[in-house]
């Protein structure tokens, strides 16, 4: 474990990703990588390839390359947009997975936050409040942009 907040946050995210991936593979037969893509799609749909790539922090080529398999597997449906634009939307299969698996993961993480080892003698970490703080921090970092 690191002594620096920025490194500790990266370590935490990496461990949460590993946990979520193992859980999703075992219980739902999908990777966390796929779940993350589908979750973003559910939150932002309909969205074009560029928008989805931006949200996932990957290239448009990476999304374009993956799209045919996602559509063939019944996770997404595509429709033509303006010009060469392709719009992507979730299917019922995706909506169901994101709702169920997402709720299960949230419950597991909330249980971890209630572990008394986090704050001996104090109240447990409240997941909704933590999420609001992290969301606000994320927005602040985005607004600051790239350091000079």
N, C-alpha and C. Protein backbone atom coordinates (compact mmCIF):
# COMPACT_ATOMS: atom_id res chain seq x y z
N UNK A 1 0.84 -1.18 0.00
CA UNK A 1 0.00 0.00 0.00
C UNK A 1 0.89 1.25 0.00
N UNK A 2 0.45 2.24 -0.71
CA UNK A 2 1.23 3.46 -0.88
C UNK A 2 0.90 4.51 0.17
N UNK A 3 1.81 5.44 0.34
CA UNK A 3 1.60 6.56 1.26
C UNK A 3 1.01 7.77 0.55
N UNK A 4 0.89 7.70 -0.75
CA UNK A 4 0.37 8.82 -1.54
C UNK A 4 -1.06 8.53 -2.00
N UNK A 5 -1.93 9.50 -1.80
CA UNK A 5 -3.34 9.33 -2.13
C UNK A 5 -3.54 8.93 -3.59
N UNK A 6 -2.85 9.60 -4.50
CA UNK A 6 -3.04 9.29 -5.92
C UNK A 6 -2.69 7.84 -6.24
N UNK A 7 -1.62 7.35 -5.66
CA UNK A 7 -1.22 5.96 -5.90
C UNK A 7 -2.19 5.00 -5.21
N UNK A 8 -2.59 5.33 -4.00
CA UNK A 8 -3.54 4.49 -3.27
C UNK A 8 -4.86 4.36 -4.04
N UNK A 9 -5.34 5.47 -4.60
CA UNK A 9 -6.58 5.42 -5.38
C UNK A 9 -6.43 4.49 -6.58
N UNK A 10 -5.28 4.56 -7.26
CA UNK A 10 -5.04 3.66 -8.40
C UNK A 10 -5.00 2.21 -7.95
N UNK A 11 -4.36 1.95 -6.80
CA UNK A 11 -4.32 0.59 -6.28
C UNK A 11 -5.72 0.10 -5.95
N UNK A 12 -6.53 0.95 -5.33
CA UNK A 12 -7.90 0.58 -4.99
C UNK A 12 -8.70 0.26 -6.25
N UNK A 13 -8.62 1.10 -7.26
CA UNK A 13 -9.36 0.87 -8.50
C UNK A 13 -8.92 -0.44 -9.14
N UNK A 14 -7.62 -0.70 -9.15
CA UNK A 14 -7.12 -1.95 -9.74
C UNK A 14 -7.68 -3.16 -8.99
N UNK A 15 -7.68 -3.10 -7.66
CA UNK A 15 -8.21 -4.22 -6.87
C UNK A 15 -9.71 -4.38 -7.04
N UNK A 16 -10.44 -3.27 -7.12
CA UNK A 16 -11.88 -3.35 -7.36
C UNK A 16 -12.16 -3.96 -8.73
N UNK A 17 -11.36 -3.60 -9.73
CA UNK A 17 -11.52 -4.17 -11.07
C UNK A 17 -11.30 -5.69 -11.05
N UNK A 18 -10.26 -6.12 -10.34
CA UNK A 18 -9.97 -7.56 -10.23
C UNK A 18 -11.13 -8.28 -9.54
N UNK A 19 -11.61 -7.71 -8.44
CA UNK A 19 -12.73 -8.29 -7.70
C UNK A 19 -13.97 -8.38 -8.60
N UNK A 20 -14.31 -7.25 -9.25
CA UNK A 20 -15.50 -7.21 -10.10
C UNK A 20 -15.38 -8.18 -11.26
N UNK A 21 -14.20 -8.26 -11.86
CA UNK A 21 -14.01 -9.17 -12.98
C UNK A 21 -14.22 -10.62 -12.56
N UNK A 22 -13.63 -11.01 -11.44
CA UNK A 22 -13.79 -12.39 -10.96
C UNK A 22 -15.26 -12.69 -10.64
N UNK A 23 -15.93 -11.75 -9.99
CA UNK A 23 -17.35 -11.94 -9.65
C UNK A 23 -18.21 -12.06 -10.91
N UNK A 24 -18.03 -11.12 -11.82
CA UNK A 24 -18.85 -11.11 -13.04
C UNK A 24 -18.60 -12.34 -13.90
N UNK A 25 -17.35 -12.78 -13.98
CA UNK A 25 -17.03 -13.99 -14.75
C UNK A 25 -17.72 -15.20 -14.12
N UNK A 26 -17.62 -15.31 -12.80
CA UNK A 26 -18.17 -16.48 -12.09
C UNK A 26 -19.70 -16.51 -12.12
N UNK A 27 -20.32 -15.37 -11.86
CA UNK A 27 -21.77 -15.34 -11.70
C UNK A 27 -22.52 -15.06 -13.00
N UNK A 28 -21.95 -14.21 -13.85
CA UNK A 28 -22.68 -13.79 -15.06
C UNK A 28 -22.00 -14.17 -16.37
N UNK A 29 -20.79 -14.71 -16.30
CA UNK A 29 -20.09 -15.13 -17.51
C UNK A 29 -19.60 -14.00 -18.40
N UNK A 30 -19.41 -12.81 -17.82
CA UNK A 30 -18.89 -11.67 -18.60
C UNK A 30 -17.70 -11.06 -17.86
N UNK A 31 -16.85 -10.40 -18.62
CA UNK A 31 -15.71 -9.72 -18.01
C UNK A 31 -16.14 -8.35 -17.49
N UNK A 32 -15.33 -7.81 -16.58
CA UNK A 32 -15.61 -6.45 -16.11
C UNK A 32 -15.44 -5.46 -17.25
N UNK A 33 -14.51 -5.73 -18.15
CA UNK A 33 -14.29 -4.86 -19.30
C UNK A 33 -15.57 -4.74 -20.12
N UNK A 34 -16.22 -5.86 -20.40
CA UNK A 34 -17.48 -5.83 -21.14
C UNK A 34 -18.56 -5.15 -20.32
N UNK A 35 -18.64 -5.47 -19.04
CA UNK A 35 -19.65 -4.85 -18.18
C UNK A 35 -19.49 -3.33 -18.15
N UNK A 36 -18.25 -2.86 -18.06
CA UNK A 36 -18.02 -1.41 -18.03
C UNK A 36 -18.52 -0.76 -19.32
N UNK A 37 -18.22 -1.36 -20.46
CA UNK A 37 -18.69 -0.84 -21.74
C UNK A 37 -20.22 -0.81 -21.77
N UNK A 38 -20.85 -1.91 -21.37
CA UNK A 38 -22.31 -1.98 -21.40
C UNK A 38 -22.94 -1.00 -20.42
N UNK A 39 -22.33 -0.83 -19.27
CA UNK A 39 -22.84 0.13 -18.28
C UNK A 39 -22.80 1.55 -18.83
N UNK A 40 -21.68 1.91 -19.45
CA UNK A 40 -21.57 3.24 -20.05
C UNK A 40 -22.64 3.40 -21.13
N UNK A 41 -22.82 2.37 -21.92
CA UNK A 41 -23.83 2.41 -22.98
C UNK A 41 -25.22 2.65 -22.41
N UNK A 42 -25.56 1.94 -21.35
CA UNK A 42 -26.88 2.11 -20.72
C UNK A 42 -27.04 3.54 -20.21
N UNK A 43 -25.99 4.08 -19.59
CA UNK A 43 -26.07 5.43 -19.02
C UNK A 43 -26.13 6.51 -20.09
N UNK A 44 -25.53 6.29 -21.25
CA UNK A 44 -25.38 7.36 -22.25
C UNK A 44 -26.17 7.15 -23.54
N UNK A 45 -26.84 6.03 -23.70
CA UNK A 45 -27.50 5.70 -24.96
C UNK A 45 -28.63 6.64 -25.30
N UNK A 46 -28.89 6.85 -26.58
CA UNK A 46 -28.06 6.36 -27.69
C UNK A 46 -26.80 7.22 -27.80
N UNK A 47 -25.73 6.58 -28.23
CA UNK A 47 -24.44 7.25 -28.32
C UNK A 47 -23.73 6.77 -29.58
N UNK A 48 -22.91 7.63 -30.15
CA UNK A 48 -22.17 7.21 -31.33
C UNK A 48 -20.83 6.61 -30.93
N UNK A 49 -20.11 6.09 -31.90
CA UNK A 49 -18.84 5.42 -31.64
C UNK A 49 -17.85 6.37 -30.99
N UNK A 50 -17.76 7.59 -31.47
CA UNK A 50 -16.82 8.56 -30.89
C UNK A 50 -17.15 8.84 -29.43
N UNK A 51 -18.41 9.03 -29.13
CA UNK A 51 -18.83 9.31 -27.76
C UNK A 51 -18.55 8.15 -26.83
N UNK A 52 -18.83 6.93 -27.29
CA UNK A 52 -18.57 5.75 -26.47
C UNK A 52 -17.07 5.59 -26.23
N UNK A 53 -16.28 5.80 -27.27
CA UNK A 53 -14.82 5.71 -27.14
C UNK A 53 -14.31 6.72 -26.12
N UNK A 54 -14.81 7.94 -26.19
CA UNK A 54 -14.39 8.99 -25.25
C UNK A 54 -14.73 8.59 -23.81
N UNK A 55 -15.94 8.09 -23.59
CA UNK A 55 -16.36 7.67 -22.24
C UNK A 55 -15.52 6.53 -21.70
N UNK A 56 -15.10 5.63 -22.59
CA UNK A 56 -14.32 4.46 -22.17
C UNK A 56 -12.82 4.72 -22.16
N UNK A 57 -12.41 5.91 -22.64
CA UNK A 57 -11.00 6.27 -22.70
C UNK A 57 -10.22 5.33 -23.61
N UNK A 58 -10.82 5.01 -24.75
CA UNK A 58 -10.18 4.18 -25.77
C UNK A 58 -10.34 4.88 -27.12
N UNK A 59 -9.73 4.32 -28.15
CA UNK A 59 -9.84 4.90 -29.48
C UNK A 59 -11.15 4.52 -30.16
N UNK A 60 -11.53 5.32 -31.16
CA UNK A 60 -12.71 4.99 -31.96
C UNK A 60 -12.50 3.64 -32.65
N UNK A 61 -11.26 3.39 -33.08
CA UNK A 61 -10.96 2.12 -33.75
C UNK A 61 -11.22 0.94 -32.82
N UNK A 62 -10.89 1.10 -31.53
CA UNK A 62 -11.11 0.01 -30.58
C UNK A 62 -12.60 -0.30 -30.44
N UNK A 63 -13.41 0.74 -30.39
CA UNK A 63 -14.87 0.53 -30.29
C UNK A 63 -15.40 -0.05 -31.59
N UNK A 64 -14.98 0.51 -32.73
CA UNK A 64 -15.45 0.03 -34.04
C UNK A 64 -15.12 -1.44 -34.24
N UNK A 65 -13.94 -1.84 -33.82
CA UNK A 65 -13.50 -3.23 -33.98
C UNK A 65 -14.35 -4.18 -33.13
N UNK A 66 -14.77 -3.72 -31.97
CA UNK A 66 -15.51 -4.57 -31.05
C UNK A 66 -17.01 -4.63 -31.36
N UNK A 67 -17.51 -3.61 -32.05
CA UNK A 67 -18.95 -3.46 -32.28
C UNK A 67 -19.61 -4.65 -32.98
N UNK A 68 -19.03 -5.21 -34.05
CA UNK A 68 -19.71 -6.34 -34.72
C UNK A 68 -19.94 -7.53 -33.79
N UNK A 69 -18.97 -7.85 -32.95
CA UNK A 69 -19.14 -8.98 -32.02
C UNK A 69 -20.18 -8.67 -30.96
N UNK A 70 -20.20 -7.43 -30.48
CA UNK A 70 -21.21 -7.03 -29.48
C UNK A 70 -22.61 -7.15 -30.07
N UNK A 71 -22.75 -6.76 -31.31
CA UNK A 71 -24.05 -6.83 -31.97
C UNK A 71 -24.43 -8.30 -32.24
N UNK A 72 -23.47 -9.09 -32.70
CA UNK A 72 -23.73 -10.51 -32.98
C UNK A 72 -24.10 -11.26 -31.71
N UNK A 73 -23.53 -10.87 -30.58
CA UNK A 73 -23.83 -11.52 -29.30
C UNK A 73 -25.09 -10.98 -28.64
N UNK A 74 -25.75 -10.02 -29.28
CA UNK A 74 -27.01 -9.52 -28.76
C UNK A 74 -26.90 -8.47 -27.66
N UNK A 75 -25.72 -7.85 -27.50
CA UNK A 75 -25.54 -6.84 -26.46
C UNK A 75 -25.95 -5.45 -26.92
N UNK A 76 -25.79 -5.16 -28.21
CA UNK A 76 -26.08 -3.81 -28.71
C UNK A 76 -26.86 -3.90 -30.02
N UNK A 77 -27.51 -2.80 -30.33
CA UNK A 77 -28.12 -2.65 -31.65
C UNK A 77 -27.59 -1.33 -32.21
N UNK A 78 -27.34 -1.32 -33.49
CA UNK A 78 -26.82 -0.12 -34.14
C UNK A 78 -27.80 0.38 -35.18
N UNK A 79 -27.80 1.69 -35.36
CA UNK A 79 -28.61 2.32 -36.39
C UNK A 79 -27.79 3.43 -37.02
N UNK A 80 -28.06 3.72 -38.28
CA UNK A 80 -27.33 4.83 -38.92
C UNK A 80 -27.70 6.16 -38.28
N UNK A 81 -26.70 7.01 -38.14
CA UNK A 81 -26.93 8.37 -37.65
C UNK A 81 -26.77 9.33 -38.81
N UNK A 82 -26.34 10.53 -38.51
CA UNK A 82 -26.11 11.52 -39.57
C UNK A 82 -24.79 11.22 -40.27
N UNK A 83 -24.79 11.33 -41.59
CA UNK A 83 -23.58 11.08 -42.35
C UNK A 83 -23.10 9.65 -42.15
N UNK A 84 -21.84 9.51 -41.75
CA UNK A 84 -21.25 8.19 -41.53
C UNK A 84 -21.40 7.73 -40.08
N UNK A 85 -22.09 8.49 -39.29
CA UNK A 85 -22.25 8.21 -37.87
C UNK A 85 -23.07 6.93 -37.64
N UNK A 86 -22.64 6.14 -36.67
CA UNK A 86 -23.38 4.94 -36.26
C UNK A 86 -23.79 5.13 -34.81
N UNK A 87 -25.08 5.00 -34.55
CA UNK A 87 -25.60 5.15 -33.19
C UNK A 87 -25.71 3.76 -32.56
N UNK A 88 -25.36 3.71 -31.28
CA UNK A 88 -25.34 2.44 -30.55
C UNK A 88 -26.33 2.54 -29.38
N UNK A 89 -27.10 1.48 -29.20
CA UNK A 89 -28.07 1.43 -28.10
C UNK A 89 -28.02 0.04 -27.46
N UNK A 90 -28.36 -0.04 -26.18
CA UNK A 90 -28.36 -1.35 -25.50
C UNK A 90 -29.59 -2.16 -25.88
N UNK A 91 -29.46 -3.46 -25.75
CA UNK A 91 -30.59 -4.36 -25.94
C UNK A 91 -31.20 -4.66 -24.56
N UNK A 92 -32.30 -5.37 -24.55
CA UNK A 92 -32.90 -5.79 -23.28
C UNK A 92 -31.93 -6.67 -22.49
N UNK A 93 -31.19 -7.50 -23.19
CA UNK A 93 -30.18 -8.36 -22.55
C UNK A 93 -29.17 -7.50 -21.79
N UNK A 94 -28.73 -6.42 -22.40
CA UNK A 94 -27.77 -5.52 -21.77
C UNK A 94 -28.40 -4.81 -20.58
N UNK A 95 -29.60 -4.30 -20.76
CA UNK A 95 -30.28 -3.60 -19.68
C UNK A 95 -30.45 -4.51 -18.46
N UNK A 96 -30.81 -5.77 -18.71
CA UNK A 96 -30.99 -6.72 -17.62
C UNK A 96 -29.67 -7.00 -16.90
N UNK A 97 -28.62 -7.25 -17.67
CA UNK A 97 -27.32 -7.54 -17.05
C UNK A 97 -26.84 -6.36 -16.22
N UNK A 98 -26.89 -5.16 -16.79
CA UNK A 98 -26.40 -3.98 -16.08
C UNK A 98 -27.20 -3.75 -14.80
N UNK A 99 -28.51 -3.93 -14.88
CA UNK A 99 -29.33 -3.74 -13.69
C UNK A 99 -29.01 -4.77 -12.62
N UNK A 100 -29.00 -6.03 -12.98
CA UNK A 100 -28.80 -7.09 -11.98
C UNK A 100 -27.36 -7.15 -11.48
N UNK A 101 -26.42 -7.28 -12.40
CA UNK A 101 -25.02 -7.41 -12.00
C UNK A 101 -24.53 -6.13 -11.34
N UNK A 102 -24.96 -4.99 -11.86
CA UNK A 102 -24.57 -3.72 -11.25
C UNK A 102 -25.08 -3.59 -9.83
N UNK A 103 -26.31 -4.00 -9.61
CA UNK A 103 -26.87 -3.96 -8.26
C UNK A 103 -26.14 -4.91 -7.31
N UNK A 104 -25.79 -6.07 -7.83
CA UNK A 104 -25.05 -7.04 -7.01
C UNK A 104 -23.67 -6.50 -6.63
N UNK A 105 -22.97 -5.91 -7.60
CA UNK A 105 -21.65 -5.35 -7.31
C UNK A 105 -21.75 -4.20 -6.30
N UNK A 106 -22.76 -3.35 -6.47
CA UNK A 106 -22.95 -2.24 -5.53
C UNK A 106 -23.16 -2.78 -4.11
N UNK A 107 -23.95 -3.85 -3.99
CA UNK A 107 -24.20 -4.43 -2.67
C UNK A 107 -22.91 -5.00 -2.07
N UNK A 108 -22.11 -5.66 -2.90
CA UNK A 108 -20.84 -6.21 -2.41
C UNK A 108 -19.91 -5.08 -1.95
N UNK A 109 -19.82 -4.03 -2.73
CA UNK A 109 -18.93 -2.93 -2.36
C UNK A 109 -19.44 -2.19 -1.13
N UNK A 110 -20.75 -2.03 -1.01
CA UNK A 110 -21.32 -1.39 0.19
C UNK A 110 -21.00 -2.23 1.43
N UNK A 111 -21.06 -3.55 1.27
CA UNK A 111 -20.71 -4.43 2.39
C UNK A 111 -19.24 -4.25 2.78
N UNK A 112 -18.37 -4.11 1.79
CA UNK A 112 -16.95 -3.87 2.08
C UNK A 112 -16.76 -2.55 2.82
N UNK A 113 -17.51 -1.54 2.42
CA UNK A 113 -17.39 -0.23 3.05
C UNK A 113 -17.89 -0.24 4.49
N UNK A 114 -18.72 -1.21 4.83
CA UNK A 114 -19.24 -1.33 6.19
C UNK A 114 -18.30 -2.12 7.10
N UNK A 115 -17.21 -2.62 6.54
CA UNK A 115 -16.26 -3.41 7.33
C UNK A 115 -15.68 -2.54 8.45
N UNK A 116 -15.79 -2.98 9.70
CA UNK A 116 -15.33 -2.16 10.83
C UNK A 116 -13.83 -1.87 10.81
N UNK A 117 -13.07 -2.63 10.04
CA UNK A 117 -11.63 -2.36 9.96
C UNK A 117 -11.33 -1.04 9.25
N UNK A 118 -12.30 -0.53 8.48
CA UNK A 118 -12.08 0.73 7.77
C UNK A 118 -11.99 1.91 8.73
N UNK A 119 -12.82 1.90 9.74
CA UNK A 119 -12.83 3.01 10.70
C UNK A 119 -13.15 2.46 12.08
N UNK A 120 -12.16 1.82 12.71
CA UNK A 120 -12.42 1.24 14.03
C UNK A 120 -12.98 2.27 15.00
N UNK A 121 -14.10 1.95 15.63
CA UNK A 121 -14.72 2.85 16.59
C UNK A 121 -15.50 3.98 15.96
N UNK A 122 -15.58 4.02 14.64
CA UNK A 122 -16.31 5.10 13.96
C UNK A 122 -17.40 4.48 13.09
N UNK A 123 -18.19 5.35 12.49
CA UNK A 123 -19.24 4.88 11.58
C UNK A 123 -18.61 4.31 10.32
N UNK A 124 -19.32 3.38 9.69
CA UNK A 124 -18.88 2.81 8.42
C UNK A 124 -18.89 3.89 7.34
N UNK A 125 -18.14 3.65 6.30
CA UNK A 125 -18.14 4.56 5.16
C UNK A 125 -19.48 4.42 4.45
N UNK A 126 -20.16 5.52 4.22
CA UNK A 126 -21.47 5.50 3.57
C UNK A 126 -21.26 5.57 2.06
N UNK A 127 -21.69 4.53 1.35
CA UNK A 127 -21.37 4.40 -0.07
C UNK A 127 -21.90 5.53 -0.94
N UNK A 128 -23.13 5.99 -0.69
CA UNK A 128 -23.68 7.07 -1.52
C UNK A 128 -22.92 8.37 -1.32
N UNK A 129 -22.54 8.67 -0.08
CA UNK A 129 -21.77 9.87 0.20
C UNK A 129 -20.38 9.77 -0.43
N UNK A 130 -19.74 8.63 -0.30
CA UNK A 130 -18.43 8.43 -0.92
C UNK A 130 -18.53 8.62 -2.43
N UNK A 131 -19.57 8.06 -3.04
CA UNK A 131 -19.75 8.21 -4.49
C UNK A 131 -19.93 9.67 -4.88
N UNK A 132 -20.69 10.42 -4.09
CA UNK A 132 -20.88 11.86 -4.39
C UNK A 132 -19.54 12.59 -4.28
N UNK A 133 -18.76 12.28 -3.27
CA UNK A 133 -17.44 12.93 -3.11
C UNK A 133 -16.52 12.58 -4.27
N UNK A 134 -16.47 11.31 -4.65
CA UNK A 134 -15.61 10.89 -5.75
C UNK A 134 -16.06 11.48 -7.07
N UNK A 135 -17.37 11.58 -7.27
CA UNK A 135 -17.91 12.19 -8.49
C UNK A 135 -17.52 13.67 -8.55
N UNK A 136 -17.65 14.36 -7.43
CA UNK A 136 -17.26 15.78 -7.38
C UNK A 136 -15.77 15.93 -7.63
N UNK A 137 -14.96 15.08 -7.04
CA UNK A 137 -13.52 15.15 -7.24
C UNK A 137 -13.17 14.89 -8.70
N UNK A 138 -13.82 13.92 -9.31
CA UNK A 138 -13.60 13.63 -10.73
C UNK A 138 -13.92 14.86 -11.58
N UNK A 139 -15.03 15.51 -11.30
CA UNK A 139 -15.41 16.71 -12.07
C UNK A 139 -14.40 17.82 -11.87
N UNK A 140 -13.90 18.01 -10.66
CA UNK A 140 -12.89 19.04 -10.40
C UNK A 140 -11.63 18.76 -11.22
N UNK A 141 -11.19 17.51 -11.23
CA UNK A 141 -9.99 17.14 -12.00
C UNK A 141 -10.22 17.39 -13.49
N UNK A 142 -11.40 17.04 -13.98
CA UNK A 142 -11.72 17.28 -15.40
C UNK A 142 -11.67 18.77 -15.70
N UNK A 143 -12.26 19.57 -14.85
CA UNK A 143 -12.29 21.02 -15.07
C UNK A 143 -10.91 21.65 -14.99
N UNK A 144 -10.03 21.10 -14.18
CA UNK A 144 -8.65 21.61 -14.10
C UNK A 144 -7.89 21.37 -15.39
N UNK A 145 -8.24 20.32 -16.10
CA UNK A 145 -7.57 20.01 -17.35
C UNK A 145 -6.15 19.50 -17.12
N UNK A 146 -5.36 19.53 -18.18
CA UNK A 146 -3.99 19.06 -18.13
C UNK A 146 -3.12 20.10 -17.45
N UNK A 147 -2.28 19.66 -16.48
CA UNK A 147 -1.41 20.63 -15.80
C UNK A 147 -0.44 21.28 -16.77
N UNK A 148 -0.12 22.53 -16.51
CA UNK A 148 0.80 23.27 -17.38
C UNK A 148 2.23 22.80 -17.18
